[in-house]
C-alpha atoms as a PDB file:
ATOM      1  CA  MET A   1      97.298  76.553  72.622  1.00  0.00           C
ATOM      2  CA  THR A   2      97.429  80.301  71.938  1.00  0.00           C
ATOM      3  CA  SER A   3      95.840  82.545  74.549  1.00  0.00           C
ATOM      4  CA  ARG A   4      94.349  85.905  73.626  1.00  0.00           C
ATOM      5  CA  VAL A   5      93.688  88.644  76.155  1.00  0.00           C
ATOM      6  CA  THR A   6      92.270  91.967  75.036  1.00  0.00           C
ATOM      7  CA  PHE A   7      92.484  94.677  77.681  1.00  0.00           C
ATOM      8  CA  ILE A   8      89.897  97.443  77.282  1.00  0.00           C
ATOM      9  CA  SER A   9      90.571 100.691  79.128  1.00  0.00           C
ATOM     10  CA  PRO A  10      87.510 102.306  80.722  1.00  0.00           C
ATOM     11  CA  ALA A  11      85.577 105.277  79.401  1.00  0.00           C
ATOM     12  CA  MET A  12      85.987 108.720  80.970  1.00  0.00           C
ATOM     13  CA  ASN A  13      84.729 109.688  84.385  1.00  0.00           C
ATOM     14  CA  ALA A  14      85.245 112.698  86.637  1.00  0.00           C
ATOM     15  CA  ALA A  15      88.315 111.193  88.342  1.00  0.00           C
ATOM     16  CA  LEU A  16      90.106 110.684  85.010  1.00  0.00           C
ATOM     17  CA  ARG A  17      89.194 114.183  83.807  1.00  0.00           C
ATOM     18  CA  GLN A  18      90.432 115.764  87.045  1.00  0.00           C
ATOM     19  CA  ALA A  19      93.621 113.653  87.377  1.00  0.00           C
ATOM     20  CA  ARG A  20      92.278 112.402  90.698  1.00  0.00           C
ATOM     21  CA  PHE A  21      93.147 109.097  92.329  1.00  0.00           C
ATOM     22  CA  ASP A  22      89.869 107.235  91.895  1.00  0.00           C
ATOM     23  CA  ASP A  23      88.252 105.662  94.921  1.00  0.00           C
ATOM     24  CA  GLY A  24      86.728 102.940  92.728  1.00  0.00           C
ATOM     25  CA  ARG A  25      83.193 104.258  93.145  1.00  0.00           C
ATOM     26  CA  THR A  26      83.203 107.166  90.668  1.00  0.00           C
ATOM     27  CA  PRO A  27      80.734 106.387  87.859  1.00  0.00           C
ATOM     28  CA  LEU A  28      81.237 107.142  84.196  1.00  0.00           C
ATOM     29  CA  ASP A  29      80.344 110.671  83.199  1.00  0.00           C
ATOM     30  CA  THR A  30      77.680 111.294  80.540  1.00  0.00           C
ATOM     31  CA  THR A  31      80.195 111.625  77.723  1.00  0.00           C
ATOM     32  CA  GLY A  32      82.098 108.500  78.750  1.00  0.00           C
ATOM     33  CA  ALA A  33      78.916 106.438  79.003  1.00  0.00           C
ATOM     34  CA  ALA A  34      77.755 107.622  75.564  1.00  0.00           C
ATOM     35  CA  GLN A  35      81.136 106.867  73.970  1.00  0.00           C
ATOM     36  CA  ALA A  36      81.195 103.375  75.486  1.00  0.00           C
ATOM     37  CA  ALA A  37      77.637 102.692  74.311  1.00  0.00           C
ATOM     38  CA  ALA A  38      78.570 103.862  70.801  1.00  0.00           C
ATOM     39  CA  ALA A  39      81.457 101.367  70.762  1.00  0.00           C
ATOM     40  CA  ALA A  40      79.237  98.411  71.695  1.00  0.00           C
ATOM     41  CA  GLY A  41      79.525  95.641  69.139  1.00  0.00           C
ATOM     42  CA  THR A  42      83.010  96.602  67.943  1.00  0.00           C
ATOM     43  CA  LEU A  43      84.811  93.828  69.803  1.00  0.00           C
ATOM     44  CA  PRO A  44      85.202  90.194  68.797  1.00  0.00           C
ATOM     45  CA  SER A  45      83.116  87.634  70.658  1.00  0.00           C
ATOM     46  CA  PRO A  46      84.983  86.458  73.748  1.00  0.00           C
ATOM     47  CA  ALA A  47      85.062  83.154  75.544  1.00  0.00           C
ATOM     48  CA  ARG A  48      84.995  85.158  78.780  1.00  0.00           C
ATOM     49  CA  VAL A  49      84.697  88.728  80.047  1.00  0.00           C
ATOM     50  CA  LEU A  50      86.430  90.000  83.181  1.00  0.00           C
ATOM     51  CA  THR A  51      86.577  93.447  84.769  1.00  0.00           C
ATOM     52  CA  SER A  52      88.463  95.424  87.343  1.00  0.00           C
ATOM     53  CA  PRO A  53      86.244  95.881  90.421  1.00  0.00           C
ATOM     54  CA  SER A  54      85.878  99.674  89.967  1.00  0.00           C
ATOM     55  CA  SER A  55      82.585 101.283  88.986  1.00  0.00           C
ATOM     56  CA  ARG A  56      84.033 102.831  85.833  1.00  0.00           C
ATOM     57  CA  CYS A  57      85.269  99.477  84.529  1.00  0.00           C
ATOM     58  CA  GLN A  58      82.049  97.645  85.354  1.00  0.00           C
ATOM     59  CA  GLU A  59      79.936 100.436  83.805  1.00  0.00           C
ATOM     60  CA  THR A  60      82.155 100.505  80.709  1.00  0.00           C
ATOM     61  CA  ALA A  61      81.742  96.742  80.285  1.00  0.00           C
ATOM     62  CA  GLU A  62      77.984  97.034  80.667  1.00  0.00           C
ATOM     63  CA  ALA A  63      77.781  99.900  78.127  1.00  0.00           C
ATOM     64  CA  LEU A  64      79.829  97.770  75.706  1.00  0.00           C
ATOM     65  CA  GLY A  65      77.336  94.943  76.165  1.00  0.00           C
ATOM     66  CA  LEU A  66      79.826  92.775  78.044  1.00  0.00           C
ATOM     67  CA  LEU A  67      78.993  90.837  81.197  1.00  0.00           C
ATOM     68  CA  GLY A  68      81.556  89.239  83.439  1.00  0.00           C
ATOM     69  CA  PRO A  69      82.820  89.052  86.995  1.00  0.00           C
ATOM     70  CA  ALA A  70      85.085  91.548  88.729  1.00  0.00           C
ATOM     71  CA  VAL A  71      88.504  89.982  89.344  1.00  0.00           C
ATOM     72  CA  PRO A  72      90.464  91.191  92.402  1.00  0.00           C
ATOM     73  CA  GLU A  73      93.810  90.477  90.689  1.00  0.00           C
ATOM     74  CA  LEU A  74      92.851  93.067  88.058  1.00  0.00           C
ATOM     75  CA  ALA A  75      92.004  95.785  90.598  1.00  0.00           C
ATOM     76  CA  ALA A  76      93.478  99.272  90.276  1.00  0.00           C
ATOM     77  CA  LEU A  77      96.719 100.249  91.951  1.00  0.00           C
ATOM     78  CA  ASP A  78      96.009 100.763  95.647  1.00  0.00           C
ATOM     79  CA  VAL A  79      97.124 104.341  96.347  1.00  0.00           C
ATOM     80  CA  GLY A  80      96.315 104.198 100.051  1.00  0.00           C
ATOM     81  CA  ARG A  81      95.649 107.544 101.712  1.00  0.00           C
ATOM     82  CA  TRP A  82      95.873 109.404  98.364  1.00  0.00           C
ATOM     83  CA  ARG A  83      92.623 107.797  97.201  1.00  0.00           C
ATOM     84  CA  GLY A  84      90.053 110.435  96.215  1.00  0.00           C
ATOM     85  CA  ARG A  85      92.596 113.273  96.076  1.00  0.00           C
ATOM     86  CA  SER A  86      93.940 114.959  92.935  1.00  0.00           C
ATOM     87  CA  LEU A  87      97.543 114.568  91.869  1.00  0.00           C
ATOM     88  CA  ASP A  88      97.952 118.353  92.224  1.00  0.00           C
ATOM     89  CA  GLU A  89      96.688 118.249  95.830  1.00  0.00           C
ATOM     90  CA  VAL A  90      98.961 115.374  96.779  1.00  0.00           C
ATOM     91  CA  SER A  91     101.955 116.929  94.977  1.00  0.00           C
ATOM     92  CA  ALA A  92     101.457 120.211  96.847  1.00  0.00           C
ATOM     93  CA  ALA A  93     101.096 118.493 100.234  1.00  0.00           C
ATOM     94  CA  GLU A  94     103.715 115.755  99.763  1.00  0.00           C
ATOM     95  CA  PRO A  95     106.109 116.751  96.956  1.00  0.00           C
ATOM     96  CA  GLU A  96     109.005 114.508  98.004  1.00  0.00           C
ATOM     97  CA  PRO A  97     106.914 111.343  98.497  1.00  0.00           C
ATOM     98  CA  VAL A  98     105.168 111.917  95.141  1.00  0.00           C
ATOM     99  CA  GLY A  99     108.542 112.388  93.462  1.00  0.00           C
ATOM    100  CA  ARG A 100     109.846 109.149  94.968  1.00  0.00           C
ATOM    101  CA  TRP A 101     106.656 107.304  93.980  1.00  0.00           C
ATOM    102  CA  LEU A 102     106.960 108.447  90.361  1.00  0.00           C
ATOM    103  CA  THR A 103     110.639 107.454  90.084  1.00  0.00           C
ATOM    104  CA  ASP A 104     111.025 104.399  92.333  1.00  0.00           C
ATOM    105  CA  PRO A 105     108.663 101.538  91.401  1.00  0.00           C
ATOM    106  CA  GLY A 106     109.277  99.873  94.771  1.00  0.00           C
ATOM    107  CA  CYS A 107     108.133 102.924  96.729  1.00  0.00           C
ATOM    108  CA  ALA A 108     104.634 103.224  98.275  1.00  0.00           C
ATOM    109  CA  PRO A 109     104.649 106.391 100.428  1.00  0.00           C
ATOM    110  CA  HIS A 110     100.834 106.498 100.346  1.00  0.00           C
ATOM    111  CA  GLY A 111     100.649 103.330 102.412  1.00  0.00           C
ATOM    112  CA  GLY A 112      99.116 101.324  99.568  1.00  0.00           C
ATOM    113  CA  GLU A 113     100.678  99.197  96.865  1.00  0.00           C
ATOM    114  CA  SER A 114     103.898  99.940  95.005  1.00  0.00           C
ATOM    115  CA  VAL A 115     104.048  99.969  91.214  1.00  0.00           C
ATOM    116  CA  ARG A 116     106.372  96.953  91.383  1.00  0.00           C
ATOM    117  CA  ASP A 117     103.840  95.057  93.515  1.00  0.00           C
ATOM    118  CA  LEU A 118     101.105  95.885  90.992  1.00  0.00           C
ATOM    119  CA  CYS A 119     103.300  94.725  88.104  1.00  0.00           C
ATOM    120  CA  ASP A 120     104.044  91.472  89.930  1.00  0.00           C
ATOM    121  CA  ARG A 121     100.322  90.915  90.604  1.00  0.00           C
ATOM    122  CA  VAL A 122      99.423  91.431  86.939  1.00  0.00           C
ATOM    123  CA  ALA A 123     102.324  89.211  85.804  1.00  0.00           C
ATOM    124  CA  ARG A 124     101.032  86.402  88.042  1.00  0.00           C
ATOM    125  CA  TRP A 125      97.554  86.825  86.574  1.00  0.00           C
ATOM    126  CA  LEU A 126      98.922  86.746  83.009  1.00  0.00           C
ATOM    127  CA  THR A 127     100.739  83.498  83.804  1.00  0.00           C
ATOM    128  CA  THR A 128      97.409  81.901  84.692  1.00  0.00           C
ATOM    129  CA  ALA A 129      95.701  83.551  81.684  1.00  0.00           C
ATOM    130  CA  GLN A 130      98.014  81.631  79.349  1.00  0.00           C
ATOM    131  CA  ASP A 131      96.131  78.479  80.342  1.00  0.00           C
ATOM    132  CA  LEU A 132      92.751  79.908  79.281  1.00  0.00           C
ATOM    133  CA  ASP A 133      91.394  78.718  75.967  1.00  0.00           C
ATOM    134  CA  GLY A 134      89.792  81.263  73.667  1.00  0.00           C
ATOM    135  CA  ARG A 135      89.646  85.048  73.800  1.00  0.00           C
ATOM    136  CA  THR A 136      89.419  86.918  77.097  1.00  0.00           C
ATOM    137  CA  LEU A 137      88.128  90.495  77.129  1.00  0.00           C
ATOM    138  CA  ALA A 138      89.123  92.339  80.290  1.00  0.00           C
ATOM    139  CA  VAL A 139      87.815  95.847  81.000  1.00  0.00           C
ATOM    140  CA  VAL A 140      90.508  97.133  83.325  1.00  0.00           C
ATOM    141  CA  GLU A 141      92.059 100.261  84.764  1.00  0.00           C
ATOM    142  CA  PRO A 142      94.838 101.913  82.720  1.00  0.00           C
ATOM    143  CA  GLU A 143      97.509 100.854  85.211  1.00  0.00           C
ATOM    144  CA  ILE A 144      96.597  97.198  84.642  1.00  0.00           C
ATOM    145  CA  VAL A 145      97.171  97.706  80.913  1.00  0.00           C
ATOM    146  CA  ARG A 146     100.547  99.354  81.641  1.00  0.00           C
ATOM    147  CA  ALA A 147     101.621  96.473  83.888  1.00  0.00           C
ATOM    148  CA  ALA A 148     100.532  93.887  81.298  1.00  0.00           C
ATOM    149  CA  VAL A 149     102.494  95.633  78.535  1.00  0.00           C
ATOM    150  CA  LEU A 150     105.616  95.798  80.717  1.00  0.00           C
ATOM    151  CA  HIS A 151     105.332  92.088  81.463  1.00  0.00           C
ATOM    152  CA  ALA A 152     104.688  91.134  77.835  1.00  0.00           C
ATOM    153  CA  LEU A 153     107.750  93.027  76.650  1.00  0.00           C
ATOM    154  CA  GLY A 154     109.984  92.106  79.581  1.00  0.00           C
ATOM    155  CA  MET A 155     110.411  95.789  80.463  1.00  0.00           C
ATOM    156  CA  PRO A 156     111.391  97.029  83.922  1.00  0.00           C
ATOM    157  CA  ALA A 157     108.775  98.456  86.285  1.00  0.00           C
ATOM    158  CA  ALA A 158     110.647 101.788  86.061  1.00  0.00           C
ATOM    159  CA  ALA A 159     109.056 102.273  82.602  1.00  0.00           C
ATOM    160  CA  PHE A 160     105.506 102.132  84.062  1.00  0.00           C
ATOM    161  CA  TRP A 161     104.843 105.891  84.007  1.00  0.00           C
ATOM    162  CA  ARG A 162     106.177 106.187  80.437  1.00  0.00           C
ATOM    163  CA  LEU A 163     103.132 104.401  79.014  1.00  0.00           C
ATOM    164  CA  ASP A 164      99.929 106.324  78.319  1.00  0.00           C
ATOM    165  CA  VAL A 165      96.682 104.406  78.004  1.00  0.00           C
ATOM    166  CA  ALA A 166      93.862 106.321  76.340  1.00  0.00           C
ATOM    167  CA  PRO A 167      90.249 105.722  77.374  1.00  0.00           C
ATOM    168  CA  LEU A 168      88.273 103.150  75.382  1.00  0.00           C
ATOM    169  CA  THR A 169      91.217 101.539  73.652  1.00  0.00           C
ATOM    170  CA  ALA A 170      92.032  97.872  73.189  1.00  0.00           C
ATOM    171  CA  THR A 171      95.476  96.467  73.934  1.00  0.00           C
ATOM    172  CA  GLU A 172      95.790  92.887  72.776  1.00  0.00           C
ATOM    173  CA  LEU A 173      98.141  90.189  73.977  1.00  0.00           C
ATOM    174  CA  SER A 174      98.417  86.807  72.341  1.00  0.00           C
ATOM    175  CA  GLY A 175     100.847  84.132  73.307  1.00  0.00           C
ATOM    176  CA  ARG A 176     101.828  80.733  74.476  1.00  0.00           C
ATOM    177  CA  ALA A 177     104.663  79.073  76.357  1.00  0.00           C
ATOM    178  CA  GLY A 178     105.460  82.187  78.393  1.00  0.00           C
ATOM    179  CA  ARG A 179     105.818  84.507  75.392  1.00  0.00           C
ATOM    180  CA  TRP A 180     103.374  87.290  74.549  1.00  0.00           C
ATOM    181  CA  ASN A 181     102.906  89.332  71.387  1.00  0.00           C
ATOM    182  CA  LEU A 182     101.463  92.815  71.689  1.00  0.00           C
ATOM    183  CA  ARG A 183      99.059  94.966  69.694  1.00  0.00           C
ATOM    184  CA  LEU A 184      98.714  98.411  71.258  1.00  0.00           C
ATOM    185  CA  GLY A 185      95.909 100.891  71.787  1.00  0.00           C
ATOM    186  CA  ARG A 186      93.338 100.239  69.062  1.00  0.00           C
ATOM    187  CA  PRO A 187      90.521 102.755  69.605  1.00  0.00           C
ATOM    188  CA  LEU A 188      87.060 101.329  70.096  1.00  0.00           C
ATOM    189  CA  ALA A 189      84.872 103.009  67.544  1.00  0.00           C
ATOM    190  CA  ALA A 190      81.704 102.254  65.724  1.00  0.00           C
ATOM    191  CA  PRO A 191      82.457 100.556  62.394  1.00  0.00           C
ATOM    192  CA  ASP A 192      82.322 102.704  59.267  1.00  0.00           C
ATOM    193  CA  THR A 193      79.075 102.351  57.359  1.00  0.00           C
ATOM    194  CA  ASP A 194      80.429 103.717  54.060  1.00  0.00           C
END
């Protein structure tokens, strides 16, 4: 059996625009909601839809016309006491801890989850996803997409910050027997009518 998981990154919201650690409750902004609504109907029919628990992922799924439960294993990276603050603010107040966090995937100076822990959590979820029949669409935070790509390619957690995930893109994994194939960052866009 071949499993297919398509990860959809969420549309824009104020936290993404301001490079702020989202608290999970920031809604989509007007532009992000409109772009997600315009992309509705561009995805293949899934056997199941899952989302990260954040507002922006759930609102993106809804705007895309997708309904499915929030899955705790697909939650955003827990950044502890940095939640709600901008990267610039945290970097100014805690330059050394931020530097360690960006270079050492096992480090969690914010008191939350390390990048390595996140990658391990997503890898465990992908192991169970290989047993799912049919296509899974998962509207998830960009860091979940990064962790899934690292796992699929067998890359070290140290490469986590080297991957950019654009809003409203699809990253597709297909595989079986512990091996994944990858299709990166297809933009969600309304089909051409020409």
